[in-house]
PDB file of N, CA and C in Angstrom:
ATOM      1  N   MET A   1       1.350  -0.860   0.627  1.00  0.00           N
ATOM      2  CA  MET A   1       0.394   0.292   0.266  1.00  0.00           C
ATOM      3  C   MET A   1       0.793   1.001  -0.453  1.00  0.00           C
ATOM      4  N   ILE A   2       0.316   2.255  -0.397  1.00  0.00           N
ATOM      5  CA  ILE A   2       1.362   3.520  -0.747  1.00  0.00           C
ATOM      6  C   ILE A   2       0.782   4.507   0.072  1.00  0.00           C
ATOM      7  N   LYS A   3       1.280   4.998   0.874  1.00  0.00           N
ATOM      8  CA  LYS A   3       0.766   6.196   1.357  1.00  0.00           C
ATOM      9  C   LYS A   3       1.520   7.497   0.834  1.00  0.00           C
ATOM     10  N   ILE A   4       0.637   8.596   0.639  1.00  0.00           N
ATOM     11  CA  ILE A   4       0.542   9.592   0.488  1.00  0.00           C
ATOM     12  C   ILE A   4       0.404  10.662   1.998  1.00  0.00           C
ATOM     13  N   GLN A   5       1.624  11.133   1.950  1.00  0.00           N
ATOM     14  CA  GLN A   5       1.843  12.286   3.079  1.00  0.00           C
ATOM     15  C   GLN A   5       2.742  14.042   2.453  1.00  0.00           C
ATOM     16  N   LYS A   6       1.259  15.254   2.924  1.00  0.00           N
ATOM     17  CA  LYS A   6       1.182  16.287   2.594  1.00  0.00           C
ATOM     18  C   LYS A   6       2.181  16.859   3.818  1.00  0.00           C
ATOM     19  N   ILE A   7       3.365  17.469   2.833  1.00  0.00           N
ATOM     20  CA  ILE A   7       4.294  18.253   3.160  1.00  0.00           C
ATOM     21  C   ILE A   7       4.330  20.221   3.145  1.00  0.00           C
ATOM     22  N   GLU A   8       4.949  20.313   4.240  1.00  0.00           N
ATOM     23  CA  GLU A   8       4.572  21.603   4.353  1.00  0.00           C
ATOM     24  C   GLU A   8       6.023  22.104   3.093  1.00  0.00           C
ATOM     25  N   LYS A   9       5.563  23.958   2.813  1.00  0.00           N
ATOM     26  CA  LYS A   9       6.796  24.070   1.766  1.00  0.00           C
ATOM     27  C   LYS A   9       7.909  23.912   2.172  1.00  0.00           C
ATOM     28  N   GLU A  10       8.433  24.209   3.497  1.00  0.00           N
ATOM     29  CA  GLU A  10       9.989  24.250   3.377  1.00  0.00           C
ATOM     30  C   GLU A  10      10.626  22.828   3.581  1.00  0.00           C
ATOM     31  N   GLN A  11       9.984  22.015   3.713  1.00  0.00           N
ATOM     32  CA  GLN A  11       9.964  20.572   3.513  1.00  0.00           C
ATOM     33  C   GLN A  11      10.489  20.105   1.656  1.00  0.00           C
ATOM     34  N   LEU A  12       9.172  20.983   1.634  1.00  0.00           N
ATOM     35  CA  LEU A  12       9.550  20.581   0.230  1.00  0.00           C
ATOM     36  C   LEU A  12      11.283  20.670  -0.682  1.00  0.00           C
ATOM     37  N   GLU A  13      11.114  22.131  -0.372  1.00  0.00           N
ATOM     38  CA  GLU A  13      12.129  23.167  -0.520  1.00  0.00           C
ATOM     39  C   GLU A  13      13.743  22.485  -0.228  1.00  0.00           C
ATOM     40  N   ARG A  14      13.138  21.879   0.281  1.00  0.00           N
ATOM     41  CA  ARG A  14      14.628  20.755   1.039  1.00  0.00           C
ATOM     42  C   ARG A  14      15.392  19.541   0.067  1.00  0.00           C
ATOM     43  N   ILE A  15      13.704  19.184  -0.703  1.00  0.00           N
ATOM     44  CA  ILE A  15      14.345  17.780  -1.210  1.00  0.00           C
ATOM     45  C   ILE A  15      15.098  18.375  -2.374  1.00  0.00           C
ATOM     46  N   LYS A  16      16.512  17.415  -2.933  1.00  0.00           N
ATOM     47  CA  LYS A  16      17.244  17.137  -3.017  1.00  0.00           C
ATOM     48  C   LYS A  16      17.225  16.038  -4.496  1.00  0.00           C
ATOM     49  N   GLY A  17      16.978  16.175  -6.081  1.00  0.00           N
ATOM     50  CA  GLY A  17      16.723  14.755  -6.437  1.00  0.00           C
ATOM     51  C   GLY A  17      16.925  15.041  -8.067  1.00  0.00           C
ATOM     52  N   GLY A  18      16.980  13.958  -8.478  1.00  0.00           N
ATOM     53  CA  GLY A  18      17.903  14.514  -9.134  1.00  0.00           C
ATOM     54  C   GLY A  18      19.322  14.206 -10.075  1.00  0.00           C
ATOM     55  N   ALA A  19      19.857  14.675 -10.085  1.00  0.00           N
ATOM     56  CA  ALA A  19      21.074  15.276 -10.407  1.00  0.00           C
ATOM     57  C   ALA A  19      21.717  15.280  -8.662  1.00  0.00           C
ATOM     58  N   ALA A  20      22.686  14.061  -8.952  1.00  0.00           N
ATOM     59  CA  ALA A  20      23.857  13.079  -8.617  1.00  0.00           C
ATOM     60  C   ALA A  20      24.471  13.903  -8.259  1.00  0.00           C
ATOM     61  N   ILE A  21      25.450  14.622  -9.334  1.00  0.00           N
ATOM     62  CA  ILE A  21      26.765  15.091  -9.789  1.00  0.00           C
ATOM     63  C   ILE A  21      26.298  16.760 -10.082  1.00  0.00           C
ATOM     64  N   SER A  22      27.497  17.058  -9.292  1.00  0.00           N
ATOM     65  CA  SER A  22      27.111  18.364  -9.260  1.00  0.00           C
ATOM     66  C   SER A  22      28.087  19.176 -10.627  1.00  0.00           C
ATOM     67  N   VAL A  23      27.912  20.330 -10.578  1.00  0.00           N
ATOM     68  CA  VAL A  23      28.605  20.862 -12.188  1.00  0.00           C
ATOM     69  C   VAL A  23      30.162  20.866 -11.578  1.00  0.00           C
ATOM     70  N   TRP A  24      30.271  21.395 -10.371  1.00  0.00           N
ATOM     71  CA  TRP A  24      31.982  21.334 -10.575  1.00  0.00           C
ATOM     72  C   TRP A  24      32.185  19.514 -10.288  1.00  0.00           C
ATOM     73  N   THR A  25      31.766  19.367  -9.898  1.00  0.00           N
ATOM     74  CA  THR A  25      32.067  17.585 -10.267  1.00  0.00           C
ATOM     75  C   THR A  25      32.534  17.314 -11.718  1.00  0.00           C
ATOM     76  N   GLY A  26      31.373  17.450 -12.637  1.00  0.00           N
ATOM     77  CA  GLY A  26      31.351  17.591 -14.306  1.00  0.00           C
ATOM     78  C   GLY A  26      32.619  18.139 -14.311  1.00  0.00           C
ATOM     79  N   ILE A  27      32.976  19.655 -13.827  1.00  0.00           N
ATOM     80  CA  ILE A  27      34.043  20.005 -14.662  1.00  0.00           C
ATOM     81  C   ILE A  27      35.427  19.227 -14.206  1.00  0.00           C
ATOM     82  N   ALA A  28      35.205  18.911 -13.405  1.00  0.00           N
ATOM     83  CA  ALA A  28      36.447  18.065 -12.876  1.00  0.00           C
ATOM     84  C   ALA A  28      36.642  17.048 -13.874  1.00  0.00           C
ATOM     85  N   ILE A  29      35.322  16.094 -13.602  1.00  0.00           N
ATOM     86  CA  ILE A  29      35.361  15.157 -14.612  1.00  0.00           C
ATOM     87  C   ILE A  29      36.237  15.445 -15.628  1.00  0.00           C
ATOM     88  N   ALA A  30      35.368  15.998 -16.672  1.00  0.00           N
ATOM     89  CA  ALA A  30      35.623  16.783 -18.195  1.00  0.00           C
ATOM     90  C   ALA A  30      37.312  17.010 -17.805  1.00  0.00           C
ATOM     91  N   ALA A  31      37.653  17.771 -16.843  1.00  0.00           N
ATOM     92  CA  ALA A  31      39.477  18.552 -17.214  1.00  0.00           C
ATOM     93  C   ALA A  31      39.833  17.149 -16.366  1.00  0.00           C
ATOM     94  N   ILE A  32      39.790  15.472 -16.015  1.00  0.00           N
ATOM     95  CA  ILE A  32      41.011  14.841 -16.204  1.00  0.00           C
ATOM     96  C   ILE A  32      40.825  14.356 -17.418  1.00  0.00           C
ATOM     97  N   VAL A  33      39.010  13.978 -18.217  1.00  0.00           N
ATOM     98  CA  VAL A  33      39.597  12.874 -19.906  1.00  0.00           C
ATOM     99  C   VAL A  33      39.929  13.747 -20.436  1.00  0.00           C
ATOM    100  N   VAL A  34      39.879  15.138 -20.803  1.00  0.00           N
ATOM    101  CA  VAL A  34      41.032  15.811 -20.994  1.00  0.00           C
ATOM    102  C   VAL A  34      42.725  15.857 -21.453  1.00  0.00           C
ATOM    103  N   PHE A  35      42.808  15.842 -19.894  1.00  0.00           N
ATOM    104  CA  PHE A  35      44.038  15.560 -19.732  1.00  0.00           C
ATOM    105  C   PHE A  35      44.733  14.696 -19.752  1.00  0.00           C
ATOM    106  N   LEU A  36      44.106  13.144 -19.249  1.00  0.00           N
ATOM    107  CA  LEU A  36      44.438  11.938 -20.399  1.00  0.00           C
ATOM    108  C   LEU A  36      44.399  11.847 -21.124  1.00  0.00           C
ATOM    109  N   SER A  37      43.543  12.466 -22.432  1.00  0.00           N
ATOM    110  CA  SER A  37      43.531  12.254 -23.931  1.00  0.00           C
ATOM    111  C   SER A  37      45.116  12.876 -24.857  1.00  0.00           C
ATOM    112  N   GLY A  38      45.008  14.146 -23.811  1.00  0.00           N
ATOM    113  CA  GLY A  38      46.292  14.738 -24.046  1.00  0.00           C
ATOM    114  C   GLY A  38      47.465  13.747 -23.569  1.00  0.00           C
ATOM    115  N   VAL A  39      47.468  13.251 -22.694  1.00  0.00           N
ATOM    116  CA  VAL A  39      48.662  12.585 -22.483  1.00  0.00           C
ATOM    117  C   VAL A  39      49.010  11.357 -23.424  1.00  0.00           C
ATOM    118  N   ILE A  40      47.707  10.390 -23.675  1.00  0.00           N
ATOM    119  CA  ILE A  40      47.389   9.146 -25.050  1.00  0.00           C
ATOM    120  C   ILE A  40      48.321   9.810 -25.828  1.00  0.00           C
ATOM    121  N   GLU A  41      47.628  10.977 -26.273  1.00  0.00           N
ATOM    122  CA  GLU A  41      48.014  11.465 -27.472  1.00  0.00           C
ATOM    123  C   GLU A  41      49.702  11.865 -27.153  1.00  0.00           C
ATOM    124  N   GLY A  42      49.699  12.173 -26.356  1.00  0.00           N
ATOM    125  CA  GLY A  42      51.910  12.513 -26.243  1.00  0.00           C
ATOM    126  C   GLY A  42      52.244  11.056 -26.944  1.00  0.00           C
ATOM    127  N   ILE A  43      51.598  10.040 -25.888  1.00  0.00           N
ATOM    128  CA  ILE A  43      52.061   9.398 -25.796  1.00  0.00           C
ATOM    129  C   ILE A  43      52.379   8.399 -27.481  1.00  0.00           C
ATOM    130  N   THR A  44      51.378   8.424 -28.184  1.00  0.00           N
ATOM    131  CA  THR A  44      51.083   8.098 -29.426  1.00  0.00           C
ATOM    132  C   THR A  44      51.331   8.696 -30.454  1.00  0.00           C
ATOM    133  N   ASN A  45      52.033  10.110 -30.298  1.00  0.00           N
ATOM    134  CA  ASN A  45      51.965  10.553 -31.573  1.00  0.00           C
ATOM    135  C   ASN A  45      53.423  11.491 -31.206  1.00  0.00           C
ATOM    136  N   PRO A  46      54.180  10.867 -30.167  1.00  0.00           N
ATOM    137  CA  PRO A  46      54.959  12.308 -29.958  1.00  0.00           C
ATOM    138  C   PRO A  46      56.090  13.193 -30.973  1.00  0.00           C
ATOM    139  N   GLU A  47      56.161  14.222 -30.700  1.00  0.00           N
ATOM    140  CA  GLU A  47      57.204  15.174 -31.695  1.00  0.00           C
ATOM    141  C   GLU A  47      58.185  15.691 -30.674  1.00  0.00           C
ATOM    142  N   LYS A  48      59.179  16.637 -31.177  1.00  0.00           N
ATOM    143  CA  LYS A  48      60.173  16.970 -30.961  1.00  0.00           C
ATOM    144  C   LYS A  48      59.556  18.207 -30.352  1.00  0.00           C
ATOM    145  N   CYS A  49      60.098  18.987 -29.722  1.00  0.00           N
ATOM    146  CA  CYS A  49      60.232  20.291 -29.600  1.00  0.00           C
ATOM    147  C   CYS A  49      60.224  21.459 -30.480  1.00  0.00           C
ATOM    148  N   ASN A  50      59.839  22.361 -31.557  1.00  0.00           N
ATOM    149  CA  ASN A  50      60.198  23.382 -32.062  1.00  0.00           C
ATOM    150  C   ASN A  50      61.355  24.031 -31.290  1.00  0.00           C
ATOM    151  N   SER A  51      62.904  24.456 -31.887  1.00  0.00           N
ATOM    152  CA  SER A  51      63.402  24.822 -30.734  1.00  0.00           C
ATOM    153  C   SER A  51      64.386  26.900 -31.871  1.00  0.00           C
TER     154      SER A  51
END
């Protein structure tokens, strides 16, 4: 049986749902992916520095 409970507006505003990953976590993950792709490209396609 499903119970439905009426909640106050303050309780409703405190509910966090849906997005488990914050914006900063997404930015950090993207930065790590970009860094690792650069490292892999450097290993697979090494070039000398132009001097």
